[in-house]
Amino acid sequence: MTNSARPLAGTVALVAGGTRGGGRGIAVELGAVGATVYVTGRSSTAGRSALDRPETIEETAEQVTAAGGLGIPVRVDHSRPDEVRALVDRIAAEQDGRLDVLVNSVWGGDPLTDWERPLWQQDLETGLRLMRQAVETHVITSRFALPLMVARKSGLVVEVTDGNTARYRGSFFYDLAKSTVIRLAVAQAAELKPHGVAAVAITPGFLCSEALLEHFGVTEANWRDGAAQDPNFAHSETPAYLGRAVAALAADPEIMAKTGRALATWGLYREYGFTDADGTQPDFAAHWAKNLEQEYGPLGDPL
């Protein structure tokens, strides 16, 4: 039996790509409502990933536990089927076959994205590596994790993307990866629906990640000061906002009504009432419509 403060007490989640950014926010907020969260990624105290950033899965797991859940870090390269299979076998053994929430948040494509050149001028291997990192990892993880949910005839798969529209995202391989992730949710939803398992895609608005904080020279404590350099930054949102959106979805007993949809924080906060870490409710779509649409065109219609 769960209570209103900890609706996910007793549930088990896997956040693939939970080292930093949106993945970390999701993992921590799932913990805040009582979940046991397996936090996976390549960046660990045992060694950094190719991104060479300081955040680790162990840090995220500690934050999950501090928030009220149980964080379990497992170093996994989600592009390697053998490592993902071993991870899922471990979860099944430790949790009596239970997995309630799967979050596919593996990305790591920022240094691989070419924002300056069209497809025919880009390095092909770099672009294909982005696709392997941002799409194949999700497919591999779902392939091995979904049987646990199907066996229990319940659960939620969350595909984390950027944008919930058909609007072009500014770079060929980036756009292809992010729009494909939405299609992964649609396809999984179709196959999982007869088994009582839901699948959705979700996008944040202007996500205030660790890398973005560094770019603006601010910290989590004074992050809104970045608006002095870019007024749009005042309308950004912390990873906690995305995390609370996912936590609300995972706790929704009517989640099957949303299966197959591409969702966004700016729509879900109205329905579920959650706030960002500072108590605000950022609405990036509203900000875009008022301040950016004239210059850049409509944000796009939801898929």
Protein backbone atom coordinates (compact mmCIF):
# COMPACT_ATOMS: atom_id res chain seq x y z
CA MET A 1 0.00 0.00 0.00
CA THR A 2 1.34 3.43 -0.95
CA ASN A 3 0.46 6.84 0.43
CA SER A 4 0.01 10.22 -1.22
CA ALA A 5 3.52 11.40 -0.30
CA ARG A 6 5.24 8.24 -1.51
CA PRO A 7 3.01 6.82 -4.25
CA LEU A 8 5.86 4.79 -5.74
CA ALA A 9 6.97 3.12 -2.51
CA GLY A 10 7.74 -0.50 -3.31
CA THR A 11 8.18 0.10 -7.04
CA VAL A 12 11.35 -0.49 -9.04
CA ALA A 13 12.68 1.83 -11.75
CA LEU A 14 15.58 1.72 -14.17
CA VAL A 15 16.87 5.07 -15.40
CA ALA A 16 19.23 4.34 -18.27
CA GLY A 17 21.40 7.39 -18.71
CA GLY A 18 20.88 8.70 -15.20
CA THR A 19 24.30 10.24 -14.70
CA ARG A 20 23.38 13.87 -15.31
CA GLY A 21 20.85 16.27 -16.80
CA GLY A 22 17.30 15.09 -17.33
CA GLY A 23 18.17 11.50 -16.45
CA ARG A 24 19.50 12.52 -13.06
CA GLY A 25 16.47 14.72 -12.41
CA ILE A 26 14.14 11.84 -13.24
CA ALA A 27 16.03 9.37 -11.06
CA VAL A 28 16.05 11.70 -8.05
CA GLU A 29 12.38 12.61 -8.32
CA LEU A 30 11.38 8.96 -8.68
CA GLY A 31 13.30 8.39 -5.45
CA ALA A 32 11.53 11.32 -3.82
CA VAL A 33 8.22 9.50 -4.21
CA GLY A 34 9.59 6.25 -2.83
CA ALA A 35 10.98 4.24 -5.74
CA THR A 36 14.00 2.00 -5.79
CA VAL A 37 15.99 3.33 -8.74
CA TYR A 38 18.75 1.58 -10.67
CA VAL A 39 20.90 4.41 -12.05
CA THR A 40 22.99 3.41 -15.03
CA GLY A 41 25.50 5.01 -17.35
CA ARG A 42 29.16 4.97 -18.28
CA SER A 43 30.38 7.77 -15.99
CA SER A 44 31.38 6.28 -12.66
CA THR A 45 33.84 6.73 -9.84
CA ALA A 46 35.68 3.91 -11.60
CA GLY A 47 36.21 6.05 -14.69
CA ARG A 48 34.69 8.72 -16.91
CA SER A 49 32.91 8.22 -20.20
CA ALA A 50 34.08 9.74 -23.47
CA LEU A 51 32.23 12.93 -22.48
CA ASP A 52 34.84 13.38 -19.74
CA ARG A 53 32.47 15.12 -17.37
CA PRO A 54 32.68 14.90 -13.55
CA GLU A 55 29.12 13.69 -12.79
CA THR A 56 28.82 10.00 -11.85
CA ILE A 57 26.11 7.40 -11.44
CA GLU A 58 27.16 7.04 -7.81
CA GLU A 59 26.40 10.73 -7.17
CA THR A 60 22.97 10.35 -8.71
CA ALA A 61 22.26 7.21 -6.67
CA GLU A 62 23.24 9.04 -3.49
CA GLN A 63 20.83 11.84 -4.36
CA VAL A 64 18.06 9.31 -5.01
CA THR A 65 18.56 7.84 -1.54
CA ALA A 66 18.81 11.27 0.08
CA ALA A 67 15.51 12.20 -1.55
CA GLY A 68 13.77 9.27 0.12
CA GLY A 69 14.17 6.36 -2.28
CA LEU A 70 16.91 3.80 -2.76
CA GLY A 71 19.52 4.52 -5.43
CA ILE A 72 21.54 1.66 -6.87
CA PRO A 73 24.33 2.64 -9.28
CA VAL A 74 25.37 0.15 -11.97
CA ARG A 75 27.98 1.02 -14.56
CA VAL A 76 26.58 -0.01 -17.94
CA ASP A 77 27.38 0.81 -21.54
CA HIS A 78 23.92 0.60 -23.08
CA SER A 79 25.36 0.12 -26.56
CA ARG A 80 26.59 -3.31 -25.45
CA PRO A 81 23.80 -5.93 -25.36
CA ASP A 82 25.77 -8.22 -23.05
CA GLU A 83 26.07 -5.51 -20.41
CA VAL A 84 22.38 -4.59 -20.64
CA ARG A 85 21.36 -8.25 -20.43
CA ALA A 86 23.48 -8.64 -17.30
CA LEU A 87 21.90 -5.52 -15.79
CA VAL A 88 18.36 -6.76 -16.35
CA ASP A 89 19.26 -10.20 -15.00
CA ARG A 90 20.56 -8.50 -11.87
CA ILE A 91 17.38 -6.44 -11.45
CA ALA A 92 15.25 -9.57 -11.91
CA ALA A 93 17.28 -11.46 -9.31
CA GLU A 94 17.37 -8.65 -6.75
CA GLN A 95 13.78 -7.47 -7.18
CA ASP A 96 11.97 -10.79 -7.63
CA GLY A 97 11.43 -10.14 -11.31
CA ARG A 98 9.93 -6.70 -10.76
CA LEU A 99 10.48 -3.64 -12.93
CA ASP A 100 7.77 -0.97 -12.91
CA VAL A 101 9.36 1.97 -14.73
CA LEU A 102 11.92 2.02 -17.53
CA VAL A 103 13.34 5.40 -18.51
CA ASN A 104 15.42 5.49 -21.69
CA SER A 105 17.39 8.70 -21.24
CA VAL A 106 20.72 7.72 -22.82
CA TRP A 107 22.04 10.58 -24.96
CA GLY A 108 25.65 11.77 -24.86
CA GLY A 109 25.31 13.21 -28.37
CA ASP A 110 26.13 16.87 -27.77
CA PRO A 111 29.78 16.64 -28.89
CA LEU A 112 28.68 14.62 -31.93
CA THR A 113 26.14 17.16 -33.16
CA ASP A 114 27.13 19.42 -36.06
CA TRP A 115 24.95 22.53 -35.90
CA GLU A 116 26.74 24.34 -38.72
CA ARG A 117 26.66 22.08 -41.79
CA PRO A 118 23.97 20.21 -43.78
CA LEU A 119 23.99 16.43 -44.10
CA TRP A 120 26.05 16.31 -47.29
CA GLN A 121 28.89 18.23 -45.63
CA GLN A 122 28.92 16.38 -42.31
CA ASP A 123 31.25 13.60 -41.20
CA LEU A 124 29.24 10.45 -41.81
CA GLU A 125 30.81 8.28 -39.13
CA THR A 126 30.23 10.93 -36.49
CA GLY A 127 26.58 11.22 -37.45
CA LEU A 128 26.07 7.48 -37.45
CA ARG A 129 27.79 7.25 -34.08
CA LEU A 130 25.29 9.78 -32.73
CA MET A 131 22.46 7.56 -33.96
CA ARG A 132 23.98 4.49 -32.33
CA GLN A 133 24.47 6.35 -29.08
CA ALA A 134 21.06 8.05 -28.97
CA VAL A 135 18.75 5.48 -30.58
CA GLU A 136 20.29 2.00 -30.61
CA THR A 137 20.98 2.22 -26.87
CA HIS A 138 17.26 2.74 -26.24
CA VAL A 139 16.32 -0.21 -28.45
CA ILE A 140 18.83 -2.50 -26.77
CA THR A 141 17.69 -1.52 -23.29
CA SER A 142 14.01 -2.01 -24.05
CA ARG A 143 14.70 -5.34 -25.73
CA PHE A 144 16.01 -6.82 -22.50
CA ALA A 145 13.96 -4.90 -19.93
CA LEU A 146 10.47 -5.18 -21.41
CA PRO A 147 9.99 -8.90 -20.66
CA LEU A 148 9.96 -8.08 -16.93
CA MET A 149 7.06 -5.68 -17.44
CA VAL A 150 5.18 -7.92 -19.85
CA ALA A 151 5.38 -10.78 -17.38
CA ARG A 152 3.74 -8.63 -14.69
CA LYS A 153 1.29 -7.02 -17.14
CA SER A 154 1.99 -3.53 -15.85
CA GLY A 155 4.57 -0.80 -16.11
CA LEU A 156 5.62 2.38 -17.85
CA VAL A 157 8.32 3.03 -20.47
CA VAL A 158 9.48 6.64 -20.82
CA GLU A 159 11.48 7.74 -23.84
CA VAL A 160 13.21 11.08 -23.19
CA THR A 161 13.50 13.31 -26.26
CA ASP A 162 13.76 16.96 -27.29
CA GLY A 163 10.54 18.47 -28.62
CA ASN A 164 7.20 16.74 -29.10
CA THR A 165 6.56 18.01 -32.61
CA ALA A 166 7.47 17.27 -36.22
CA ARG A 167 9.34 20.59 -36.40
CA TYR A 168 12.94 20.34 -37.66
CA ARG A 169 15.40 20.59 -34.78
CA GLY A 170 18.27 22.36 -36.52
CA SER A 171 20.73 19.57 -37.38
CA PHE A 172 20.14 16.48 -39.49
CA PHE A 173 21.38 13.71 -37.18
CA TYR A 174 20.18 15.46 -34.04
CA ASP A 175 16.72 15.84 -35.54
CA LEU A 176 16.69 12.25 -36.76
CA ALA A 177 17.68 10.92 -33.33
CA LYS A 178 15.20 12.96 -31.31
CA SER A 179 12.26 12.33 -33.64
CA THR A 180 13.12 8.62 -33.85
CA VAL A 181 12.98 8.35 -30.07
CA ILE A 182 9.37 9.54 -30.23
CA ARG A 183 8.67 6.81 -32.77
CA LEU A 184 10.23 4.28 -30.38
CA ALA A 185 7.58 5.23 -27.83
CA VAL A 186 4.80 4.94 -30.39
CA ALA A 187 5.97 1.52 -31.57
CA GLN A 188 6.49 0.16 -28.07
CA ALA A 189 3.09 1.45 -27.01
CA ALA A 190 1.43 -0.46 -29.84
CA GLU A 191 3.13 -3.72 -28.95
CA LEU A 192 2.83 -3.34 -25.18
CA LYS A 193 -0.79 -2.22 -24.96
CA PRO A 194 -2.24 -5.76 -25.00
CA HIS A 195 0.00 -6.53 -22.02
CA GLY A 196 -1.11 -3.57 -19.89
CA VAL A 197 2.20 -1.69 -20.23
CA ALA A 198 2.28 1.98 -21.28
CA ALA A 199 4.96 3.78 -23.29
CA VAL A 200 5.30 7.53 -23.78
CA ALA A 201 7.85 10.04 -24.99
CA ILE A 202 8.51 13.18 -22.98
CA THR A 203 10.37 16.40 -23.60
CA PRO A 204 11.47 19.14 -21.22
CA GLY A 205 11.39 22.75 -22.27
CA PHE A 206 14.63 24.75 -22.03
CA LEU A 207 16.50 22.29 -19.77
CA CYS A 208 18.98 23.83 -17.36
CA SER A 209 21.54 21.01 -17.35
CA GLU A 210 24.96 20.95 -15.71
CA ALA A 211 26.62 21.78 -19.04
CA LEU A 212 24.26 24.71 -19.58
CA LEU A 213 25.00 26.06 -16.10
CA GLU A 214 28.69 25.99 -16.96
CA HIS A 215 28.03 27.72 -20.28
CA PHE A 216 26.34 30.62 -18.49
CA GLY A 217 28.82 30.64 -15.61
CA VAL A 218 26.18 30.08 -12.93
CA THR A 219 25.36 27.41 -10.35
CA GLU A 220 22.20 25.66 -9.22
CA ALA A 221 21.90 28.26 -6.46
CA ASN A 222 21.93 31.32 -8.75
CA TRP A 223 21.04 29.79 -12.10
CA ARG A 224 18.46 32.45 -12.97
CA ASP A 225 21.28 35.01 -13.15
CA GLY A 226 22.01 33.51 -16.56
CA ALA A 227 19.07 35.54 -17.88
CA ALA A 228 21.36 38.57 -17.91
CA GLN A 229 23.13 36.93 -20.87
CA ASP A 230 20.09 35.35 -22.50
CA PRO A 231 16.55 36.45 -21.52
CA ASN A 232 15.21 33.05 -22.61
CA PHE A 233 17.24 31.45 -19.83
CA ALA A 234 14.82 32.96 -17.31
CA HIS A 235 12.22 30.59 -18.73
CA SER A 236 14.37 27.49 -18.50
CA GLU A 237 13.61 24.63 -16.12
CA THR A 238 15.73 22.45 -13.87
CA PRO A 239 16.01 18.67 -14.32
CA ALA A 240 13.72 18.33 -11.28
CA TYR A 241 10.81 19.65 -13.35
CA LEU A 242 11.21 16.86 -15.89
CA GLY A 243 11.71 14.41 -13.04
CA ARG A 244 8.50 15.44 -11.34
CA ALA A 245 6.62 15.09 -14.62
CA VAL A 246 7.85 11.51 -14.99
CA ALA A 247 7.11 10.73 -11.34
CA ALA A 248 3.55 12.00 -11.83
CA LEU A 249 3.11 9.82 -14.91
CA ALA A 250 4.50 6.77 -13.12
CA ALA A 251 2.06 7.27 -10.23
CA ASP A 252 -0.97 7.83 -12.48
CA PRO A 253 -3.32 4.81 -12.27
CA GLU A 254 -4.83 5.90 -15.60
CA ILE A 255 -1.49 6.04 -17.45
CA MET A 256 -2.73 3.72 -20.21
CA ALA A 257 -4.88 6.61 -21.44
CA LYS A 258 -1.65 8.39 -22.44
CA THR A 259 0.22 5.47 -24.00
CA GLY A 260 1.75 6.21 -27.37
CA ARG A 261 1.74 9.98 -26.89
CA ALA A 262 4.57 12.52 -27.05
CA LEU A 263 4.21 14.61 -23.89
CA ALA A 264 5.89 17.73 -22.51
CA THR A 265 6.52 19.27 -19.11
CA TRP A 266 4.66 22.40 -20.22
CA GLY A 267 1.46 20.43 -20.65
CA LEU A 268 1.79 17.98 -17.79
CA TYR A 269 2.29 20.57 -15.04
CA ARG A 270 -1.23 21.83 -15.68
CA GLU A 271 -2.69 18.37 -15.26
CA TYR A 272 -0.66 17.15 -12.31
CA GLY A 273 0.15 20.42 -10.55
CA PHE A 274 3.85 19.84 -9.92
CA THR A 275 6.34 22.70 -9.71
CA ASP A 276 10.00 23.19 -10.46
CA ALA A 277 12.58 23.13 -7.68
CA ASP A 278 11.99 26.80 -6.89
CA GLY A 279 8.20 26.51 -6.84
CA THR A 280 7.63 28.02 -10.29
CA GLN A 281 5.85 26.34 -13.21
CA PRO A 282 7.83 27.10 -16.39
CA ASP A 283 5.86 26.89 -19.63
CA PHE A 284 8.29 26.93 -22.52
CA ALA A 285 5.58 26.60 -25.17
CA ALA A 286 3.84 29.72 -23.87
CA HIS A 287 7.14 31.60 -23.76
CA TRP A 288 7.93 30.53 -27.33
CA ALA A 289 4.53 31.61 -28.62
CA LYS A 290 4.86 35.05 -27.02
CA ASN A 291 8.52 35.82 -27.60
CA LEU A 292 10.10 33.57 -30.23
CA GLU A 293 7.43 32.51 -32.68
CA GLN A 294 7.61 35.64 -34.81
CA GLU A 295 11.35 35.13 -35.38
CA TYR A 296 11.56 31.33 -35.54
CA GLY A 297 8.07 30.24 -36.50
CA PRO A 298 5.63 28.07 -34.51
CA LEU A 299 7.07 25.57 -32.10
CA GLY A 300 4.96 22.97 -33.88
CA ASP A 301 1.89 20.88 -33.33
CA PRO A 302 2.14 18.00 -30.84
CA LEU A 303 2.66 14.61 -32.43
